[in-house]
């Protein structure tokens, strides 16, 4: 499947939303939940960073079309 600009925009929005959810969880949920709180925050932030990293990697590639 060839990546289009629409795909990049969608992945960027989802990645930003994941980072936003991770920050929201970190602020809104009390730390007393222990390991579950840490895993939720880390997982959300990691998912967002991976998606945005994928978009950045595809954007930086030159010479050929990026494939998902």
C-alpha atoms as a PDB file:
ATOM      1  CA  UNK A   1       0.000   0.000   0.000  1.00  0.00           C
ATOM      2  CA  UNK A   2       1.434   3.339  -0.995  1.00  0.00           C
ATOM      3  CA  UNK A   3       1.329   6.044   1.632  1.00  0.00           C
ATOM      4  CA  UNK A   4      -0.555   9.183   0.648  1.00  0.00           C
ATOM      5  CA  UNK A   5      -0.680  12.627   2.174  1.00  0.00           C
ATOM      6  CA  UNK A   6      -4.048  11.723   3.703  1.00  0.00           C
ATOM      7  CA  UNK A   7      -2.436   8.729   5.433  1.00  0.00           C
ATOM      8  CA  UNK A   8       0.330  10.906   6.834  1.00  0.00           C
ATOM      9  CA  UNK A   9      -2.194  13.413   8.123  1.00  0.00           C
ATOM     10  CA  UNK A  10      -4.274  10.673   9.735  1.00  0.00           C
ATOM     11  CA  UNK A  11      -1.217   9.079  11.377  1.00  0.00           C
ATOM     12  CA  UNK A  12      -0.093  12.495  12.617  1.00  0.00           C
ATOM     13  CA  UNK A  13      -3.486  13.218  14.163  1.00  0.00           C
ATOM     14  CA  UNK A  14      -3.656   9.791  15.814  1.00  0.00           C
ATOM     15  CA  UNK A  15      -0.076  10.109  17.077  1.00  0.00           C
ATOM     16  CA  UNK A  16      -0.773  13.536  18.550  1.00  0.00           C
ATOM     17  CA  UNK A  17      -3.967  12.191  20.129  1.00  0.00           C
ATOM     18  CA  UNK A  18      -2.025   9.324  21.734  1.00  0.00           C
ATOM     19  CA  UNK A  19       0.468  11.760  23.222  1.00  0.00           C
ATOM     20  CA  UNK A  20      -2.409  13.935  24.428  1.00  0.00           C
ATOM     21  CA  UNK A  21      -4.097  10.957  26.093  1.00  0.00           C
ATOM     22  CA  UNK A  22      -0.814  10.006  27.769  1.00  0.00           C
ATOM     23  CA  UNK A  23      -0.435  13.513  29.172  1.00  0.00           C
ATOM     24  CA  UNK A  24      -4.093  13.586  30.227  1.00  0.00           C
ATOM     25  CA  UNK A  25      -3.707  10.269  32.054  1.00  0.00           C
ATOM     26  CA  UNK A  26      -0.540  11.493  33.750  1.00  0.00           C
ATOM     27  CA  UNK A  27      -2.294  14.625  35.015  1.00  0.00           C
ATOM     28  CA  UNK A  28      -5.836  13.412  35.731  1.00  0.00           C
ATOM     29  CA  UNK A  29      -5.318   9.950  37.223  1.00  0.00           C
ATOM     30  CA  UNK A  30      -3.752   9.747  40.682  1.00  0.00           C
ATOM     31  CA  UNK A  31      -0.380   8.030  40.946  1.00  0.00           C
ATOM     32  CA  UNK A  32      -1.729   5.757  43.652  1.00  0.00           C
ATOM     33  CA  UNK A  33      -2.736   3.262  40.967  1.00  0.00           C
ATOM     34  CA  UNK A  34       0.920   2.184  40.792  1.00  0.00           C
ATOM     35  CA  UNK A  35       2.149   0.077  37.920  1.00  0.00           C
ATOM     36  CA  UNK A  36      -1.079   0.373  35.903  1.00  0.00           C
ATOM     37  CA  UNK A  37      -0.736   4.164  35.898  1.00  0.00           C
ATOM     38  CA  UNK A  38       2.868   4.018  34.747  1.00  0.00           C
ATOM     39  CA  UNK A  39       2.084   1.498  31.996  1.00  0.00           C
ATOM     40  CA  UNK A  40      -0.871   3.546  30.744  1.00  0.00           C
ATOM     41  CA  UNK A  41       1.162   6.735  30.542  1.00  0.00           C
ATOM     42  CA  UNK A  42       4.219   5.059  29.012  1.00  0.00           C
ATOM     43  CA  UNK A  43       2.143   3.089  26.505  1.00  0.00           C
ATOM     44  CA  UNK A  44       0.194   6.105  25.318  1.00  0.00           C
ATOM     45  CA  UNK A  45       3.292   8.240  24.967  1.00  0.00           C
ATOM     46  CA  UNK A  46       5.209   5.459  23.212  1.00  0.00           C
ATOM     47  CA  UNK A  47       2.394   4.845  20.730  1.00  0.00           C
ATOM     48  CA  UNK A  48       2.257   8.541  19.884  1.00  0.00           C
ATOM     49  CA  UNK A  49       6.016   8.836  19.479  1.00  0.00           C
ATOM     50  CA  UNK A  50       6.144   5.735  17.268  1.00  0.00           C
ATOM     51  CA  UNK A  51       3.379   7.006  15.001  1.00  0.00           C
ATOM     52  CA  UNK A  52       4.895  10.462  14.699  1.00  0.00           C
ATOM     53  CA  UNK A  53       8.323   8.899  14.152  1.00  0.00           C
ATOM     54  CA  UNK A  54       6.883   6.799  11.328  1.00  0.00           C
ATOM     55  CA  UNK A  55       5.491   9.925   9.678  1.00  0.00           C
ATOM     56  CA  UNK A  56       8.796  11.763  10.100  1.00  0.00           C
ATOM     57  CA  UNK A  57      10.746   8.809   8.686  1.00  0.00           C
ATOM     58  CA  UNK A  58       8.469   8.637   5.641  1.00  0.00           C
ATOM     59  CA  UNK A  59       8.743  12.392   5.162  1.00  0.00           C
ATOM     60  CA  UNK A  60      12.554  12.297   5.291  1.00  0.00           C
ATOM     61  CA  UNK A  61      12.893   9.464   2.801  1.00  0.00           C
ATOM     62  CA  UNK A  62      13.807  10.724  -0.634  1.00  0.00           C
ATOM     63  CA  UNK A  63      14.098   9.179  -4.038  1.00  0.00           C
ATOM     64  CA  UNK A  64      11.250   6.693  -3.696  1.00  0.00           C
ATOM     65  CA  UNK A  65       7.736   6.550  -2.338  1.00  0.00           C
ATOM     66  CA  UNK A  66       7.298   5.465   1.257  1.00  0.00           C
ATOM     67  CA  UNK A  67       5.395   2.248   1.830  1.00  0.00           C
ATOM     68  CA  UNK A  68       3.466   1.516   5.019  1.00  0.00           C
END
